Amino acid sequence: SVVLRDSLVDVVWFCGLRVMSICLWNSLHCFLCFFFFFQAEDGIRDAQESRGLGDVYKRQYQRRVRGTPEVTAMGYLAEMASNAISMEFREQRVDDLGVGLDLTMVEFALLCTVLVVSMLVTAMLHLQLMVLPRAGSWSQCRRALWRALVILAASVASHWLWRMHTTGCGALAEHSSLVYQSMLAAGVTELSKVDFDQDPGLFYKYKAKGVPMVVRGMLQDQVESGFWQPTNLAKLLKGHMVNLAIGNVEQHDGTQLEMEFSEFCHMIQNETRIHDKIEQSGGVPYLAEVTDQWSKSAELESKAQAIVSTSLDAAAPYVTSMLFWMGPGSTLTGLHSDTEAMNVLHQLHGAKTMWIFPPDQVGNLYPSDKYDNGATNFQVDPFAPNLSKFPRYENASAVEVTISAGDALFVPYGWPHYVRSDSTSVSLSGRSYSGCEVLAHVPTISLSILHRLGLYGDQTKCACHISSLQHSTKPAT
């Protein structure tokens, strides 16, 4: 009887959650109607177009700043300070967080407060009318109350976490199709090292805009030092064994080749040897997205960290990461989109060409269920598209950008892309995460753990596990 009673209580609670969701939705409607009524009233009264709540606040601010002759100097200064603080908070608009509402931070906080209070009131009423009269003793009432609070907190937290995960903590900036078309026609925005020196936060500004951008010649000093030449890297990491990806692992089965690092460095600079290795392994070998080399050379790690810090430290991120890429010409990175909100590719040697698709093109790219840690892959092989199988890909439009040694390219969140090396190439990816973005990355980390345990995704059809491992028998030169 106890088990049956508890089961019935659980059923009642799930029904209660449905009631709460309905009340929550109605509360949202009432709140928005209330605000937009006064917004419209303000616009009508002033006989001018009202562009939103932010515009209303700005007009009110301008009226207060003008003041009146009767205001004392001290009162005027106090009001100016108060207005400045208020405007500073209101300038931080919530549409930058990707919640889909043209609200300021103050308004968004008020909205969240109203919604949370509505949920709590609904939960308490449900307890009072449905659960507590049937719960019996006070201890049972307390258990029911705690259960309600836990369910409520878990529901709100899981919804927020998933929302932040799917939008990159608000990094996914959604534009209209016309805006994307104009971006494609204009190409990737190009800035100079002088622009970056004047404003080290450029990458974060374009992150807020949600469009790609390249800084030309930003790393010219590092390139001219010769440190990132393959011959120098071979000396630093001699004896280090690496696993090289073969071909386009994002769209095809993964194969890897194990090789000593200095041997790989010498091979990629010798066309005859690289051609022989391609014939032997069935594809172009590529050292892609690796991190274990940092522990092998403190000098290499410090040089890479200095580059990433220059690019990304302007916003004081919670944490940063560095990924190393190296390979001969014609190496391929298949079509995918990354889960990192801030992703800057630093080209340190050679050249690469990248094709980037706006987010509204995702439907033409055929998203794949092939698991890849930290990325979403697509079914279409952009280097050899099968238009009979994927006809919509013919309508997909991408912007093309080539980066040379010394350039740094920002790839926005949610923009699918693929890459081909035009020559022997050395690259460094720098990625940064705010505190919110770290939390938003929790589902990705959780799925990665489940995948490695064999509980999520097919390990035989993923971009992270390999179908076969080849071993290089040629000794290091």
Protein backbone atom coordinates (compact mmCIF):
# COMPACT_ATOMS: atom_id res chain seq x y z
CA SER A 1 0.00 0.00 0.00
CA VAL A 2 2.90 2.36 0.76
CA VAL A 3 4.47 1.72 -2.66
CA LEU A 4 1.11 2.22 -4.35
CA ARG A 5 0.52 5.46 -2.47
CA ASP A 6 3.96 6.81 -3.38
CA SER A 7 3.42 5.85 -7.01
CA LEU A 8 0.12 7.67 -7.04
CA VAL A 9 1.79 10.74 -5.54
CA ASP A 10 4.42 10.63 -8.29
CA VAL A 11 1.70 10.42 -10.94
CA VAL A 12 -0.03 13.41 -9.36
CA TRP A 13 3.26 15.30 -9.42
CA PHE A 14 3.82 14.71 -13.11
CA CYS A 15 0.29 15.92 -13.76
CA GLY A 16 1.09 18.91 -11.59
CA LEU A 17 4.14 19.68 -13.71
CA ARG A 18 1.85 19.85 -16.73
CA VAL A 19 -0.40 22.29 -14.89
CA MET A 20 2.63 24.36 -13.93
CA SER A 21 3.83 24.50 -17.54
CA ILE A 22 0.41 25.82 -18.63
CA CYS A 23 0.45 28.45 -15.88
CA LEU A 24 4.01 29.35 -16.81
CA TRP A 25 3.07 29.91 -20.44
CA ASN A 26 0.07 32.07 -19.46
CA SER A 27 2.27 34.08 -17.10
CA LEU A 28 4.71 34.71 -19.93
CA HIS A 29 1.91 35.96 -22.17
CA CYS A 30 0.60 38.29 -19.47
CA PHE A 31 4.06 39.65 -18.78
CA LEU A 32 4.85 40.38 -22.43
CA CYS A 33 1.42 41.94 -23.03
CA PHE A 34 1.94 44.17 -19.99
CA PHE A 35 5.34 45.41 -21.20
CA PHE A 36 4.43 45.87 -24.84
CA PHE A 37 1.27 47.77 -23.88
CA PHE A 38 3.34 50.43 -22.11
CA GLN A 39 5.92 50.30 -24.87
CA ALA A 40 3.27 51.05 -27.49
CA GLU A 41 1.65 53.70 -25.26
CA ASP A 42 4.99 55.46 -24.92
CA GLY A 43 5.54 55.44 -28.67
CA ILE A 44 2.05 56.81 -29.36
CA ARG A 45 2.34 59.53 -26.72
CA ASP A 46 5.63 60.76 -28.17
CA ALA A 47 4.25 60.63 -31.75
CA GLN A 48 7.28 58.74 -32.97
CA GLU A 49 8.10 55.15 -33.79
CA SER A 50 8.92 52.96 -30.80
CA ARG A 51 11.69 50.51 -31.65
CA GLY A 52 11.41 48.53 -28.43
CA LEU A 53 11.84 48.79 -24.70
CA GLY A 54 15.47 49.83 -25.05
CA ASP A 55 14.35 52.84 -27.11
CA VAL A 56 11.78 53.75 -24.45
CA TYR A 57 14.43 53.72 -21.73
CA LYS A 58 16.78 55.82 -23.84
CA ARG A 59 14.14 58.52 -24.37
CA GLN A 60 13.34 58.56 -20.67
CA TYR A 61 17.06 58.83 -19.95
CA GLN A 62 17.43 61.78 -22.30
CA ARG A 63 14.54 63.61 -20.61
CA ARG A 64 16.03 63.10 -17.16
CA VAL A 65 19.51 64.20 -18.25
CA ARG A 66 18.22 67.49 -19.62
CA GLY A 67 16.80 68.25 -16.16
CA THR A 68 15.12 71.53 -15.18
CA PRO A 69 16.53 74.88 -14.01
CA GLU A 70 15.23 74.20 -10.49
CA VAL A 71 17.41 71.10 -10.00
CA THR A 72 20.37 71.70 -7.70
CA ALA A 73 23.91 70.92 -8.82
CA MET A 74 24.31 68.07 -6.27
CA GLY A 75 20.95 66.56 -7.20
CA TYR A 76 21.78 66.84 -10.90
CA LEU A 77 25.11 65.01 -10.42
CA ALA A 78 23.45 62.29 -8.33
CA GLU A 79 20.77 61.77 -10.98
CA MET A 80 23.42 61.66 -13.72
CA ALA A 81 25.34 58.97 -11.82
CA SER A 82 22.18 56.95 -11.26
CA ASN A 83 21.23 57.22 -14.94
CA ALA A 84 24.73 56.22 -16.03
CA ILE A 85 24.63 53.08 -13.87
CA SER A 86 21.16 52.21 -15.13
CA MET A 87 22.14 52.73 -18.74
CA GLU A 88 25.27 50.61 -18.29
CA PHE A 89 23.12 47.66 -17.25
CA ARG A 90 20.51 48.30 -19.91
CA GLU A 91 23.12 48.48 -22.66
CA GLN A 92 23.83 44.78 -22.05
CA ARG A 93 21.02 43.48 -24.19
CA VAL A 94 19.71 39.97 -23.80
CA ASP A 95 19.51 39.40 -27.55
CA ASP A 96 23.30 38.96 -27.32
CA LEU A 97 22.57 35.92 -25.13
CA GLY A 98 20.49 34.37 -27.88
CA VAL A 99 17.24 34.00 -25.95
CA GLY A 100 15.24 35.39 -28.86
CA LEU A 101 13.79 38.43 -27.04
CA ASP A 102 14.65 42.07 -27.60
CA LEU A 103 14.95 42.80 -23.87
CA THR A 104 17.60 44.47 -21.76
CA MET A 105 19.32 42.76 -18.86
CA VAL A 106 17.08 44.56 -16.36
CA GLU A 107 13.93 43.54 -18.21
CA PHE A 108 15.16 39.98 -18.65
CA ALA A 109 15.92 39.70 -14.93
CA LEU A 110 12.42 40.98 -14.16
CA LEU A 111 10.94 38.48 -16.61
CA CYS A 112 12.84 35.61 -15.00
CA THR A 113 11.71 36.74 -11.54
CA VAL A 114 8.05 36.80 -12.61
CA LEU A 115 8.30 33.36 -14.21
CA VAL A 116 10.06 31.78 -11.24
CA VAL A 117 7.59 33.29 -8.77
CA SER A 118 4.70 32.05 -10.93
CA MET A 119 6.13 28.54 -10.91
CA LEU A 120 6.64 28.59 -7.15
CA VAL A 121 3.13 29.89 -6.50
CA THR A 122 1.68 27.24 -8.79
CA ALA A 123 3.69 24.53 -7.03
CA MET A 124 2.58 25.71 -3.59
CA LEU A 125 -1.07 25.86 -4.63
CA HIS A 126 -0.81 22.38 -6.07
CA LEU A 127 0.71 21.15 -2.81
CA GLN A 128 -1.97 22.85 -0.74
CA LEU A 129 -4.92 21.61 -2.81
CA MET A 130 -3.82 18.20 -4.05
CA VAL A 131 -0.93 16.64 -2.20
CA LEU A 132 -0.76 17.81 1.40
CA PRO A 133 -4.37 16.91 2.33
CA ARG A 134 -3.64 13.34 1.25
CA ALA A 135 -0.11 13.05 2.58
CA GLY A 136 -1.10 12.25 6.15
CA SER A 137 1.55 13.01 8.74
CA TRP A 138 3.79 16.09 8.83
CA SER A 139 6.84 14.01 7.93
CA GLN A 140 5.08 12.86 4.79
CA CYS A 141 4.09 16.46 4.06
CA ARG A 142 7.71 17.54 4.35
CA ARG A 143 8.82 14.77 2.02
CA ALA A 144 6.20 15.83 -0.50
CA LEU A 145 7.29 19.45 -0.19
CA TRP A 146 10.96 18.62 -0.72
CA ARG A 147 10.07 16.39 -3.64
CA ALA A 148 8.18 19.28 -5.21
CA LEU A 149 11.08 21.67 -4.78
CA VAL A 150 13.59 19.15 -6.16
CA ILE A 151 11.43 18.44 -9.21
CA LEU A 152 10.91 22.15 -9.79
CA ALA A 153 14.62 22.98 -9.45
CA ALA A 154 15.66 20.06 -11.65
CA SER A 155 13.17 21.06 -14.34
CA VAL A 156 14.33 24.68 -14.44
CA ALA A 157 18.03 23.75 -14.32
CA SER A 158 17.81 21.10 -17.03
CA HIS A 159 15.83 23.40 -19.33
CA TRP A 160 18.32 26.24 -18.86
CA LEU A 161 21.31 23.93 -19.35
CA TRP A 162 19.93 22.45 -22.55
CA ARG A 163 19.01 25.90 -23.87
CA MET A 164 22.54 27.15 -23.22
CA HIS A 165 23.99 23.99 -24.77
CA THR A 166 22.03 24.29 -28.01
CA THR A 167 22.81 28.01 -28.43
CA GLY A 168 26.42 28.00 -27.26
CA CYS A 169 25.37 30.01 -24.20
CA GLY A 170 23.82 32.59 -26.51
CA ALA A 171 26.65 32.62 -29.07
CA LEU A 172 24.35 31.52 -31.91
CA ALA A 173 23.42 34.84 -33.50
CA GLU A 174 20.44 34.32 -35.79
CA HIS A 175 20.11 36.66 -38.76
CA SER A 176 17.58 36.82 -41.57
CA SER A 177 18.20 35.06 -44.88
CA LEU A 178 18.73 38.44 -46.55
CA VAL A 179 21.48 39.29 -44.07
CA TYR A 180 23.18 35.94 -44.69
CA GLN A 181 22.96 36.46 -48.45
CA SER A 182 24.63 39.85 -48.15
CA MET A 183 27.36 38.26 -46.00
CA LEU A 184 27.96 35.60 -48.63
CA ALA A 185 28.18 38.24 -51.35
CA ALA A 186 30.56 40.46 -49.36
CA GLY A 187 32.80 37.60 -48.18
CA VAL A 188 34.59 37.25 -44.87
CA THR A 189 35.44 40.54 -43.16
CA GLU A 190 39.19 41.23 -43.35
CA LEU A 191 41.00 43.35 -40.79
CA SER A 192 44.68 44.12 -40.25
CA LYS A 193 47.16 43.69 -37.41
CA VAL A 194 46.87 47.45 -36.80
CA ASP A 195 43.12 47.06 -36.23
CA PHE A 196 43.74 44.26 -33.74
CA ASP A 197 46.47 46.17 -31.90
CA GLN A 198 44.06 49.07 -31.46
CA ASP A 199 41.27 46.80 -30.25
CA PRO A 200 42.42 43.43 -28.79
CA GLY A 201 38.79 42.46 -28.22
CA LEU A 202 37.99 42.27 -31.94
CA PHE A 203 37.34 38.53 -31.92
CA TYR A 204 34.78 38.90 -29.13
CA LYS A 205 33.03 41.73 -30.96
CA TYR A 206 32.60 39.52 -34.01
CA LYS A 207 31.51 36.67 -31.75
CA ALA A 208 28.66 38.95 -30.58
CA LYS A 209 27.83 39.76 -34.21
CA GLY A 210 27.94 36.07 -35.11
CA VAL A 211 29.87 36.49 -38.38
CA PRO A 212 33.32 35.21 -39.47
CA MET A 213 36.33 37.51 -39.54
CA VAL A 214 40.04 37.21 -40.38
CA VAL A 215 42.91 39.36 -39.10
CA ARG A 216 45.62 39.45 -41.75
CA GLY A 217 49.26 39.42 -40.62
CA MET A 218 48.38 39.27 -36.94
CA LEU A 219 51.04 36.61 -36.23
CA GLN A 220 53.71 37.85 -38.62
CA ASP A 221 56.34 38.14 -35.89
CA GLN A 222 55.85 34.51 -34.84
CA VAL A 223 56.03 33.35 -38.45
CA GLU A 224 59.24 35.27 -39.17
CA SER A 225 60.91 33.79 -36.09
CA GLY A 226 60.94 30.40 -37.84
CA PHE A 227 59.87 28.61 -34.65
CA TRP A 228 56.83 26.98 -36.30
CA GLN A 229 58.73 25.59 -39.27
CA PRO A 230 58.31 21.77 -39.50
CA THR A 231 62.10 21.31 -39.36
CA ASN A 232 62.29 23.13 -36.02
CA LEU A 233 59.27 21.30 -34.61
CA ALA A 234 60.91 18.00 -35.58
CA LYS A 235 63.82 18.82 -33.25
CA LEU A 236 61.55 19.77 -30.37
CA LEU A 237 59.36 16.65 -30.54
CA LYS A 238 61.81 14.05 -31.82
CA GLY A 239 60.85 10.59 -30.56
CA HIS A 240 57.22 11.53 -29.88
CA MET A 241 54.77 9.02 -31.43
CA VAL A 242 51.63 10.44 -33.05
CA ASN A 243 48.46 8.98 -34.62
CA LEU A 244 47.68 10.53 -37.99
CA ALA A 245 44.14 10.68 -39.36
CA ILE A 246 43.82 9.39 -42.92
CA GLY A 247 41.47 11.21 -45.29
CA ASN A 248 38.09 12.75 -44.46
CA VAL A 249 37.07 11.07 -41.18
CA GLU A 250 34.04 13.34 -40.71
CA GLN A 251 32.19 11.76 -43.65
CA HIS A 252 33.96 8.39 -44.05
CA ASP A 253 35.31 5.56 -41.91
CA GLY A 254 38.24 6.57 -39.73
CA THR A 255 41.71 5.14 -40.31
CA GLN A 256 44.87 6.17 -38.51
CA LEU A 257 48.59 5.82 -39.12
CA GLU A 258 51.04 5.68 -36.22
CA MET A 259 54.32 7.47 -36.88
CA GLU A 260 57.22 9.11 -35.07
CA PHE A 261 56.82 12.91 -35.13
CA SER A 262 60.16 13.90 -36.68
CA GLU A 263 59.67 11.29 -39.39
CA PHE A 264 56.28 12.83 -40.13
CA CYS A 265 57.81 16.34 -40.31
CA HIS A 266 60.40 15.22 -42.86
CA MET A 267 57.84 13.25 -44.86
CA ILE A 268 55.37 16.12 -45.35
CA GLN A 269 58.12 18.24 -46.93
CA ASN A 270 59.07 15.53 -49.46
CA GLU A 271 56.56 15.11 -52.28
CA THR A 272 57.85 11.67 -53.26
CA ARG A 273 57.61 10.29 -49.75
CA ILE A 274 54.18 11.76 -49.11
CA HIS A 275 52.93 10.34 -52.42
CA ASP A 276 54.21 6.88 -51.47
CA LYS A 277 52.58 7.15 -48.06
CA ILE A 278 49.25 8.18 -49.62
CA GLU A 279 49.31 5.12 -51.87
CA GLN A 280 50.24 2.89 -48.93
CA SER A 281 47.64 4.20 -46.47
CA GLY A 282 44.85 5.12 -48.89
CA GLY A 283 44.67 8.82 -48.02
CA VAL A 284 46.55 11.93 -46.98
CA PRO A 285 47.87 11.63 -43.37
CA TYR A 286 47.01 14.50 -41.08
CA LEU A 287 47.94 15.31 -37.48
CA ALA A 288 44.62 16.84 -36.50
CA GLU A 289 43.32 18.48 -33.33
CA VAL A 290 45.87 17.03 -30.88
CA THR A 291 46.98 18.23 -27.45
CA ASP A 292 49.43 15.62 -26.11
CA GLN A 293 52.46 17.35 -27.65
CA TRP A 294 52.23 20.22 -25.12
CA SER A 295 53.48 17.91 -22.36
CA LYS A 296 56.49 16.92 -24.49
CA SER A 297 57.94 20.42 -24.89
CA ALA A 298 57.54 23.26 -22.39
CA GLU A 299 58.90 25.73 -24.96
CA LEU A 300 56.31 24.69 -27.54
CA GLU A 301 53.50 24.99 -24.99
CA SER A 302 54.61 28.45 -23.84
CA LYS A 303 54.83 29.75 -27.43
CA ALA A 304 51.35 28.42 -28.21
CA GLN A 305 49.93 29.82 -24.98
CA ALA A 306 51.33 33.27 -25.79
CA ILE A 307 49.55 33.25 -29.16
CA VAL A 308 46.21 32.14 -27.71
CA SER A 309 46.49 34.65 -24.85
CA THR A 310 47.05 37.47 -27.31
CA SER A 311 43.92 36.53 -29.22
CA LEU A 312 41.53 35.58 -26.45
CA ASP A 313 42.53 37.11 -23.11
CA ALA A 314 40.76 40.42 -23.78
CA ALA A 315 37.51 39.07 -22.28
CA ALA A 316 39.23 37.32 -19.34
CA PRO A 317 37.80 33.88 -20.21
CA TYR A 318 37.18 31.28 -17.53
CA VAL A 319 39.35 28.74 -19.36
CA THR A 320 41.14 28.40 -22.73
CA SER A 321 42.28 25.41 -24.77
CA MET A 322 44.81 24.87 -27.57
CA LEU A 323 44.68 22.32 -30.40
CA PHE A 324 47.53 21.57 -32.82
CA TRP A 325 47.16 20.80 -36.54
CA MET A 326 49.90 19.78 -38.99
CA GLY A 327 49.97 18.10 -42.38
CA PRO A 328 51.03 18.21 -46.03
CA GLY A 329 49.14 19.90 -48.85
CA SER A 330 45.73 18.41 -49.74
CA THR A 331 44.92 17.34 -46.17
CA LEU A 332 41.18 17.48 -45.57
CA THR A 333 38.88 18.32 -42.68
CA GLY A 334 35.34 17.24 -43.51
CA LEU A 335 32.11 19.18 -43.14
CA HIS A 336 31.21 19.80 -39.50
CA SER A 337 30.26 22.49 -36.98
CA ASP A 338 31.97 22.94 -33.62
CA THR A 339 30.38 23.31 -30.19
CA GLU A 340 32.82 25.99 -29.02
CA ALA A 341 31.44 29.51 -28.93
CA MET A 342 34.88 31.12 -29.42
CA ASN A 343 37.05 29.39 -32.01
CA VAL A 344 40.06 31.13 -33.61
CA LEU A 345 42.31 29.33 -36.11
CA HIS A 346 45.88 30.69 -36.15
CA GLN A 347 47.82 29.86 -39.31
CA LEU A 348 51.54 29.58 -38.45
CA HIS A 349 52.98 27.93 -41.56
CA GLY A 350 51.64 27.39 -45.08
CA ALA A 351 48.11 28.13 -46.25
CA LYS A 352 44.58 26.72 -45.88
CA THR A 353 41.26 27.33 -47.57
CA MET A 354 38.04 27.12 -45.57
CA TRP A 355 34.46 27.10 -46.81
CA ILE A 356 31.97 28.35 -44.21
CA PHE A 357 28.17 27.95 -44.37
CA PRO A 358 25.75 30.27 -42.54
CA PRO A 359 23.48 28.53 -39.99
CA ASP A 360 20.42 28.83 -42.26
CA GLN A 361 22.11 26.41 -44.69
CA VAL A 362 22.16 23.47 -42.25
CA GLY A 363 19.06 21.93 -43.82
CA ASN A 364 20.89 21.66 -47.15
CA LEU A 365 23.86 19.87 -45.58
CA TYR A 366 22.07 16.79 -44.19
CA PRO A 367 23.15 16.55 -40.51
CA SER A 368 24.61 13.18 -39.61
CA ASP A 369 24.12 11.01 -36.53
CA LYS A 370 27.80 10.02 -36.70
CA TYR A 371 29.19 10.84 -33.27
CA ASP A 372 32.11 13.25 -33.00
CA ASN A 373 33.19 14.63 -29.63
CA GLY A 374 32.65 18.39 -29.64
CA ALA A 375 31.24 18.62 -33.17
CA THR A 376 28.22 17.94 -35.34
CA ASN A 377 29.04 16.19 -38.61
CA PHE A 378 27.11 16.17 -41.88
CA GLN A 379 26.45 13.39 -44.36
CA VAL A 380 27.56 15.25 -47.48
CA ASP A 381 31.21 14.87 -48.50
CA PRO A 382 31.87 18.41 -49.78
CA PHE A 383 34.99 17.30 -51.65
CA ALA A 384 32.98 14.75 -53.69
CA PRO A 385 29.26 15.47 -53.15
CA ASN A 386 26.72 12.88 -54.24
CA LEU A 387 23.95 15.15 -55.53
CA SER A 388 21.66 12.27 -56.43
CA LYS A 389 21.69 11.18 -52.79
CA PHE A 390 21.84 14.70 -51.32
CA PRO A 391 20.07 16.95 -53.86
CA ARG A 392 19.57 19.89 -51.49
CA TYR A 393 23.33 20.35 -51.20
CA GLU A 394 23.28 21.91 -54.67
CA ASN A 395 21.39 24.85 -53.14
CA ALA A 396 23.87 25.32 -50.28
CA SER A 397 25.98 28.49 -50.38
CA ALA A 398 29.26 28.96 -48.54
CA VAL A 399 31.74 31.78 -48.18
CA GLU A 400 35.33 30.90 -49.09
CA VAL A 401 38.39 32.28 -47.32
CA THR A 402 42.09 31.44 -47.68
CA ILE A 403 44.40 32.11 -44.76
CA SER A 404 48.17 32.30 -45.07
CA ALA A 405 50.95 32.14 -42.49
CA GLY A 406 50.39 34.93 -39.97
CA ASP A 407 46.59 35.16 -40.33
CA ALA A 408 44.00 34.40 -37.65
CA LEU A 409 40.43 33.38 -38.57
CA PHE A 410 37.38 33.49 -36.30
CA VAL A 411 34.70 30.86 -37.05
CA PRO A 412 31.34 31.67 -35.37
CA TYR A 413 29.33 29.17 -33.38
CA GLY A 414 26.86 27.18 -35.47
CA TRP A 415 28.56 27.85 -38.84
CA PRO A 416 29.36 24.52 -40.58
CA HIS A 417 32.68 24.47 -42.41
CA TYR A 418 35.25 22.27 -44.13
CA VAL A 419 38.95 22.82 -44.81
CA ARG A 420 41.67 21.88 -47.28
CA SER A 421 45.40 22.58 -46.81
CA ASP A 422 46.87 24.30 -49.88
CA SER A 423 50.45 23.51 -48.84
CA THR A 424 52.37 22.03 -45.92
CA SER A 425 50.55 23.55 -43.00
CA VAL A 426 50.93 24.18 -39.28
CA SER A 427 47.94 25.63 -37.42
CA LEU A 428 46.87 26.34 -33.86
CA SER A 429 43.25 26.50 -32.72
CA GLY A 430 42.54 28.70 -29.72
CA ARG A 431 39.24 28.28 -27.90
CA SER A 432 37.96 30.12 -24.86
CA TYR A 433 35.03 29.53 -22.53
CA SER A 434 33.19 31.82 -20.15
CA GLY A 435 31.74 30.38 -16.97
CA CYS A 436 28.37 30.04 -18.68
CA GLU A 437 29.96 28.29 -21.68
CA VAL A 438 31.72 25.84 -19.39
CA LEU A 439 28.35 24.87 -17.90
CA ALA A 440 26.81 24.73 -21.37
CA HIS A 441 29.57 22.27 -22.33
CA VAL A 442 28.54 19.81 -19.59
CA PRO A 443 26.18 17.82 -21.89
CA THR A 444 28.98 17.46 -24.46
CA ILE A 445 31.39 16.18 -21.82
CA SER A 446 28.75 13.82 -20.41
CA LEU A 447 27.99 12.36 -23.84
CA SER A 448 31.71 11.92 -24.48
CA ILE A 449 32.09 9.90 -21.29
CA LEU A 450 29.06 7.76 -22.15
CA HIS A 451 30.43 7.24 -25.66
CA ARG A 452 33.81 6.06 -24.40
CA LEU A 453 31.99 3.63 -22.12
CA GLY A 454 30.04 2.33 -25.11
CA LEU A 455 26.71 3.62 -23.79
CA TYR A 456 26.08 6.35 -26.39
CA GLY A 457 26.73 6.40 -30.13
CA ASP A 458 28.13 3.64 -32.30
CA GLN A 459 31.87 3.36 -31.71
CA THR A 460 32.28 1.60 -35.06
CA LYS A 461 30.77 4.58 -36.90
CA CYS A 462 32.16 7.70 -35.27
CA ALA A 463 34.87 10.25 -36.01
CA CYS A 464 36.74 9.67 -32.75
CA HIS A 465 37.28 5.88 -32.84
CA ILE A 466 39.25 4.32 -35.68
CA SER A 467 38.38 1.34 -37.80
CA SER A 468 42.02 0.33 -38.28
CA LEU A 469 45.48 1.41 -37.14
CA GLN A 470 48.48 1.26 -39.44
CA HIS A 471 52.08 1.38 -38.28
CA SER A 472 54.89 3.14 -40.09
CA THR A 473 57.90 0.83 -40.50
CA LYS A 474 60.19 3.47 -41.96
CA PRO A 475 62.79 4.65 -39.43
CA ALA A 476 63.05 8.31 -38.56
CA THR A 477 65.40 10.32 -40.73
